[in-house]
C-alpha atoms as a PDB file:
ATOM      1  CA  UNK A   1     -20.573  45.261 -33.215  1.00  0.00           C
ATOM      2  CA  UNK A   2     -22.958  46.060 -36.321  1.00  0.00           C
ATOM      3  CA  UNK A   3     -24.308  43.232 -38.845  1.00  0.00           C
ATOM      4  CA  UNK A   4     -21.861  43.478 -41.554  1.00  0.00           C
ATOM      5  CA  UNK A   5     -19.066  42.522 -38.646  1.00  0.00           C
ATOM      6  CA  UNK A   6     -21.772  39.678 -37.713  1.00  0.00           C
ATOM      7  CA  UNK A   7     -21.923  38.431 -40.986  1.00  0.00           C
ATOM      8  CA  UNK A   8     -17.842  38.271 -41.739  1.00  0.00           C
ATOM      9  CA  UNK A   9     -17.370  36.928 -38.219  1.00  0.00           C
ATOM     10  CA  UNK A  10     -20.099  34.067 -37.870  1.00  0.00           C
ATOM     11  CA  UNK A  11     -18.764  30.912 -38.580  1.00  0.00           C
ATOM     12  CA  UNK A  12     -19.691  27.057 -38.328  1.00  0.00           C
ATOM     13  CA  UNK A  13     -17.875  26.016 -34.867  1.00  0.00           C
ATOM     14  CA  UNK A  14     -16.994  22.297 -34.694  1.00  0.00           C
ATOM     15  CA  UNK A  15     -14.613  22.704 -31.659  1.00  0.00           C
ATOM     16  CA  UNK A  16     -16.282  23.945 -28.703  1.00  0.00           C
ATOM     17  CA  UNK A  17     -14.696  24.442 -25.152  1.00  0.00           C
ATOM     18  CA  UNK A  18     -16.700  22.132 -23.347  1.00  0.00           C
ATOM     19  CA  UNK A  19     -15.515  23.312 -19.523  1.00  0.00           C
ATOM     20  CA  UNK A  20     -17.007  26.842 -20.331  1.00  0.00           C
ATOM     21  CA  UNK A  21     -20.627  27.144 -19.627  1.00  0.00           C
ATOM     22  CA  UNK A  22     -23.603  29.587 -21.381  1.00  0.00           C
ATOM     23  CA  UNK A  23     -24.450  32.471 -19.310  1.00  0.00           C
ATOM     24  CA  UNK A  24     -28.207  32.508 -18.940  1.00  0.00           C
ATOM     25  CA  UNK A  25     -28.487  35.630 -20.061  1.00  0.00           C
ATOM     26  CA  UNK A  26     -26.304  35.420 -23.288  1.00  0.00           C
ATOM     27  CA  UNK A  27     -28.697  32.620 -23.561  1.00  0.00           C
ATOM     28  CA  UNK A  28     -31.773  34.639 -23.227  1.00  0.00           C
ATOM     29  CA  UNK A  29     -30.432  37.342 -25.208  1.00  0.00           C
ATOM     30  CA  UNK A  30     -30.028  34.855 -28.392  1.00  0.00           C
ATOM     31  CA  UNK A  31     -33.771  33.478 -27.839  1.00  0.00           C
ATOM     32  CA  UNK A  32     -35.249  36.864 -27.766  1.00  0.00           C
ATOM     33  CA  UNK A  33     -33.743  37.694 -30.924  1.00  0.00           C
ATOM     34  CA  UNK A  34     -35.182  34.658 -32.310  1.00  0.00           C
ATOM     35  CA  UNK A  35     -38.508  35.252 -31.179  1.00  0.00           C
ATOM     36  CA  UNK A  36     -38.619  38.308 -32.600  1.00  0.00           C
ATOM     37  CA  UNK A  37     -37.927  37.443 -36.351  1.00  0.00           C
ATOM     38  CA  UNK A  38     -40.044  37.709 -38.876  1.00  0.00           C
ATOM     39  CA  UNK A  39     -42.263  35.134 -39.947  1.00  0.00           C
ATOM     40  CA  UNK A  40     -45.517  34.831 -42.314  1.00  0.00           C
ATOM     41  CA  UNK A  41     -48.191  35.919 -40.985  1.00  0.00           C
ATOM     42  CA  UNK A  42     -46.488  36.438 -37.723  1.00  0.00           C
ATOM     43  CA  UNK A  43     -47.462  32.719 -37.221  1.00  0.00           C
ATOM     44  CA  UNK A  44     -43.822  31.559 -35.318  1.00  0.00           C
ATOM     45  CA  UNK A  45     -44.399  28.107 -37.016  1.00  0.00           C
ATOM     46  CA  UNK A  46     -41.547  26.694 -34.603  1.00  0.00           C
ATOM     47  CA  UNK A  47     -40.302  25.752 -31.072  1.00  0.00           C
ATOM     48  CA  UNK A  48     -37.048  25.662 -29.332  1.00  0.00           C
ATOM     49  CA  UNK A  49     -35.731  23.039 -27.261  1.00  0.00           C
ATOM     50  CA  UNK A  50     -32.910  24.280 -25.166  1.00  0.00           C
ATOM     51  CA  UNK A  51     -30.756  21.362 -23.798  1.00  0.00           C
ATOM     52  CA  UNK A  52     -28.045  21.100 -21.763  1.00  0.00           C
ATOM     53  CA  UNK A  53     -26.366  18.457 -19.562  1.00  0.00           C
ATOM     54  CA  UNK A  54     -27.155  14.829 -19.757  1.00  0.00           C
ATOM     55  CA  UNK A  55     -29.765  15.924 -22.437  1.00  0.00           C
ATOM     56  CA  UNK A  56     -27.939  17.773 -24.686  1.00  0.00           C
ATOM     57  CA  UNK A  57     -25.193  14.817 -24.614  1.00  0.00           C
ATOM     58  CA  UNK A  58     -28.095  12.539 -25.581  1.00  0.00           C
ATOM     59  CA  UNK A  59     -29.528  14.916 -28.400  1.00  0.00           C
ATOM     60  CA  UNK A  60     -25.639  15.623 -29.920  1.00  0.00           C
ATOM     61  CA  UNK A  61     -25.502  11.555 -30.162  1.00  0.00           C
ATOM     62  CA  UNK A  62     -28.814  11.383 -31.828  1.00  0.00           C
ATOM     63  CA  UNK A  63     -27.179  13.838 -34.303  1.00  0.00           C
ATOM     64  CA  UNK A  64     -24.232  11.381 -35.142  1.00  0.00           C
ATOM     65  CA  UNK A  65     -24.974   9.256 -37.168  1.00  0.00           C
ATOM     66  CA  UNK A  66     -22.339   7.804 -39.858  1.00  0.00           C
ATOM     67  CA  UNK A  67     -20.156   9.344 -38.121  1.00  0.00           C
ATOM     68  CA  UNK A  68     -21.049  13.109 -38.037  1.00  0.00           C
ATOM     69  CA  UNK A  69     -20.961  15.880 -36.168  1.00  0.00           C
ATOM     70  CA  UNK A  70     -18.574  14.400 -33.442  1.00  0.00           C
ATOM     71  CA  UNK A  71     -17.802  17.828 -32.238  1.00  0.00           C
ATOM     72  CA  UNK A  72     -21.683  18.364 -31.305  1.00  0.00           C
ATOM     73  CA  UNK A  73     -21.013  16.290 -27.629  1.00  0.00           C
ATOM     74  CA  UNK A  74     -18.674  19.006 -26.363  1.00  0.00           C
ATOM     75  CA  UNK A  75     -21.284  21.873 -27.092  1.00  0.00           C
ATOM     76  CA  UNK A  76     -22.691  22.729 -23.630  1.00  0.00           C
ATOM     77  CA  UNK A  77     -26.214  23.762 -25.338  1.00  0.00           C
ATOM     78  CA  UNK A  78     -27.813  22.175 -27.957  1.00  0.00           C
ATOM     79  CA  UNK A  79     -31.043  24.022 -29.466  1.00  0.00           C
ATOM     80  CA  UNK A  80     -33.564  21.351 -31.112  1.00  0.00           C
ATOM     81  CA  UNK A  81     -35.657  23.664 -33.674  1.00  0.00           C
ATOM     82  CA  UNK A  82     -38.944  21.601 -34.650  1.00  0.00           C
ATOM     83  CA  UNK A  83     -41.547  22.501 -37.020  1.00  0.00           C
ATOM     84  CA  UNK A  84     -45.288  23.762 -35.621  1.00  0.00           C
ATOM     85  CA  UNK A  85     -48.271  24.185 -37.585  1.00  0.00           C
ATOM     86  CA  UNK A  86     -49.295  27.105 -39.889  1.00  0.00           C
ATOM     87  CA  UNK A  87     -51.613  29.472 -38.504  1.00  0.00           C
ATOM     88  CA  UNK A  88     -54.531  29.532 -39.897  1.00  0.00           C
ATOM     89  CA  UNK A  89     -53.583  32.854 -42.343  1.00  0.00           C
ATOM     90  CA  UNK A  90     -50.379  31.174 -43.068  1.00  0.00           C
ATOM     91  CA  UNK A  91     -51.652  27.747 -43.909  1.00  0.00           C
ATOM     92  CA  UNK A  92     -54.024  29.553 -46.356  1.00  0.00           C
ATOM     93  CA  UNK A  93     -51.523  31.183 -48.191  1.00  0.00           C
ATOM     94  CA  UNK A  94     -49.320  28.341 -48.303  1.00  0.00           C
ATOM     95  CA  UNK A  95     -52.201  26.027 -50.303  1.00  0.00           C
ATOM     96  CA  UNK A  96     -52.664  28.817 -52.600  1.00  0.00           C
ATOM     97  CA  UNK A  97     -49.292  29.852 -53.489  1.00  0.00           C
ATOM     98  CA  UNK A  98     -47.570  26.098 -53.306  1.00  0.00           C
ATOM     99  CA  UNK A  99     -44.960  27.821 -50.607  1.00  0.00           C
ATOM    100  CA  UNK A 100     -43.131  26.283 -47.854  1.00  0.00           C
ATOM    101  CA  UNK A 101     -43.617  29.047 -45.719  1.00  0.00           C
ATOM    102  CA  UNK A 102     -42.506  27.440 -42.232  1.00  0.00           C
ATOM    103  CA  UNK A 103     -38.945  25.867 -43.977  1.00  0.00           C
ATOM    104  CA  UNK A 104     -38.430  29.944 -44.745  1.00  0.00           C
ATOM    105  CA  UNK A 105     -39.599  31.162 -41.096  1.00  0.00           C
ATOM    106  CA  UNK A 106     -36.928  28.832 -39.250  1.00  0.00           C
ATOM    107  CA  UNK A 107     -34.313  29.237 -41.586  1.00  0.00           C
ATOM    108  CA  UNK A 108     -34.942  33.211 -40.697  1.00  0.00           C
ATOM    109  CA  UNK A 109     -35.175  32.621 -37.313  1.00  0.00           C
ATOM    110  CA  UNK A 110     -32.211  30.813 -37.082  1.00  0.00           C
ATOM    111  CA  UNK A 111     -30.378  33.077 -38.669  1.00  0.00           C
ATOM    112  CA  UNK A 112     -31.118  36.049 -36.142  1.00  0.00           C
ATOM    113  CA  UNK A 113     -30.435  33.617 -33.602  1.00  0.00           C
ATOM    114  CA  UNK A 114     -27.195  32.475 -34.424  1.00  0.00           C
ATOM    115  CA  UNK A 115     -26.228  36.292 -35.275  1.00  0.00           C
ATOM    116  CA  UNK A 116     -27.139  37.663 -32.206  1.00  0.00           C
ATOM    117  CA  UNK A 117     -24.891  34.156 -30.490  1.00  0.00           C
ATOM    118  CA  UNK A 118     -21.930  35.919 -32.761  1.00  0.00           C
ATOM    119  CA  UNK A 119     -22.654  39.319 -31.244  1.00  0.00           C
ATOM    120  CA  UNK A 120     -22.876  37.744 -27.769  1.00  0.00           C
ATOM    121  CA  UNK A 121     -19.732  36.434 -28.350  1.00  0.00           C
ATOM    122  CA  UNK A 122     -20.611  32.626 -28.686  1.00  0.00           C
ATOM    123  CA  UNK A 123     -20.039  30.203 -31.847  1.00  0.00           C
ATOM    124  CA  UNK A 124     -22.929  28.097 -33.555  1.00  0.00           C
ATOM    125  CA  UNK A 125     -22.955  25.305 -35.721  1.00  0.00           C
ATOM    126  CA  UNK A 126     -26.496  24.193 -37.444  1.00  0.00           C
ATOM    127  CA  UNK A 127     -26.994  20.940 -38.050  1.00  0.00           C
ATOM    128  CA  UNK A 128     -29.344  19.293 -40.496  1.00  0.00           C
ATOM    129  CA  UNK A 129     -28.090  15.716 -40.059  1.00  0.00           C
ATOM    130  CA  UNK A 130     -30.016  14.254 -37.066  1.00  0.00           C
ATOM    131  CA  UNK A 131     -32.437  11.443 -36.025  1.00  0.00           C
ATOM    132  CA  UNK A 132     -35.758  12.782 -35.963  1.00  0.00           C
ATOM    133  CA  UNK A 133     -37.242  10.208 -34.210  1.00  0.00           C
ATOM    134  CA  UNK A 134     -35.113   9.734 -31.366  1.00  0.00           C
ATOM    135  CA  UNK A 135     -34.878  13.958 -31.219  1.00  0.00           C
ATOM    136  CA  UNK A 136     -38.555  13.569 -30.505  1.00  0.00           C
ATOM    137  CA  UNK A 137     -38.110  10.943 -27.670  1.00  0.00           C
ATOM    138  CA  UNK A 138     -35.446  12.812 -25.855  1.00  0.00           C
ATOM    139  CA  UNK A 139     -37.282  16.147 -25.979  1.00  0.00           C
ATOM    140  CA  UNK A 140     -40.950  14.346 -26.067  1.00  0.00           C
ATOM    141  CA  UNK A 141     -41.847  16.301 -29.170  1.00  0.00           C
ATOM    142  CA  UNK A 142     -44.983  15.866 -30.709  1.00  0.00           C
ATOM    143  CA  UNK A 143     -43.597  17.653 -34.321  1.00  0.00           C
ATOM    144  CA  UNK A 144     -41.077  17.318 -36.822  1.00  0.00           C
ATOM    145  CA  UNK A 145     -37.340  18.367 -35.902  1.00  0.00           C
ATOM    146  CA  UNK A 146     -35.829  20.321 -38.513  1.00  0.00           C
ATOM    147  CA  UNK A 147     -32.688  21.843 -37.095  1.00  0.00           C
ATOM    148  CA  UNK A 148     -30.272  21.375 -34.182  1.00  0.00           C
ATOM    149  CA  UNK A 149     -28.083  24.422 -33.201  1.00  0.00           C
ATOM    150  CA  UNK A 150     -25.259  23.590 -31.112  1.00  0.00           C
ATOM    151  CA  UNK A 151     -23.989  26.723 -29.105  1.00  0.00           C
ATOM    152  CA  UNK A 152     -20.865  27.354 -26.674  1.00  0.00           C
ATOM    153  CA  UNK A 153     -17.823  28.939 -26.658  1.00  0.00           C
ATOM    154  CA  UNK A 154     -15.359  27.872 -29.135  1.00  0.00           C
ATOM    155  CA  UNK A 155     -11.624  26.813 -28.070  1.00  0.00           C
ATOM    156  CA  UNK A 156      -8.950  29.422 -28.203  1.00  0.00           C
ATOM    157  CA  UNK A 157      -7.208  27.770 -30.906  1.00  0.00           C
ATOM    158  CA  UNK A 158     -10.594  28.195 -33.482  1.00  0.00           C
ATOM    159  CA  UNK A 159      -9.654  30.746 -35.573  1.00  0.00           C
ATOM    160  CA  UNK A 160     -11.471  32.676 -37.849  1.00  0.00           C
ATOM    161  CA  UNK A 161     -11.496  30.750 -41.296  1.00  0.00           C
ATOM    162  CA  UNK A 162     -11.394  32.668 -44.590  1.00  0.00           C
ATOM    163  CA  UNK A 163     -15.178  32.676 -46.266  1.00  0.00           C
ATOM    164  CA  UNK A 164     -15.397  30.599 -49.403  1.00  0.00           C
ATOM    165  CA  UNK A 165     -18.647  32.111 -51.088  1.00  0.00           C
ATOM    166  CA  UNK A 166     -19.791  32.752 -54.715  1.00  0.00           C
ATOM    167  CA  UNK A 167     -18.711  36.309 -56.374  1.00  0.00           C
ATOM    168  CA  UNK A 168     -21.439  39.056 -55.987  1.00  0.00           C
ATOM    169  CA  UNK A 169     -22.391  38.871 -59.764  1.00  0.00           C
ATOM    170  CA  UNK A 170     -23.133  35.130 -59.651  1.00  0.00           C
ATOM    171  CA  UNK A 171     -25.761  35.627 -57.309  1.00  0.00           C
ATOM    172  CA  UNK A 172     -27.094  39.638 -58.015  1.00  0.00           C
ATOM    173  CA  UNK A 173     -28.946  40.801 -61.071  1.00  0.00           C
ATOM    174  CA  UNK A 174     -29.933  44.228 -61.014  1.00  0.00           C
ATOM    175  CA  UNK A 175     -32.990  45.143 -63.404  1.00  0.00           C
ATOM    176  CA  UNK A 176     -34.103  48.474 -64.088  1.00  0.00           C
END
């Protein structure tokens, strides 16, 4: 599968096959792709906590406030992405330029992770609705949780949806 095929195929899954486990080799490949993602000053200011079984259920529950993300409890793996401190170089750059490189870097590594999951035949959903305090407690984390990624096999009837995106003319200007 080339990258354009991955981009066309990847979608947020909200219907997981709860009885189908994720193979360790596939999980390893997904995490390795995330590790290889570029980051400001190669700081990699994030940490992944892979949650399975009862821990995954507890993490899913911490993402279900106000009736949100009910499907998360069916995903066999949940990956908690926490924000780590900058390295010295990125910290200086962030202060001088007033830019939040950590959020950018977390976005890039999440894109790599979800793209590789798609290439491995797995489905994902990126959750931003979460209880940071509870997730820190469950996962014994010191630093803020920024995202949770559900990971697993989609149910067979979870068909590819038509992507609704802005027209390219609304997103791109070419200056010469």
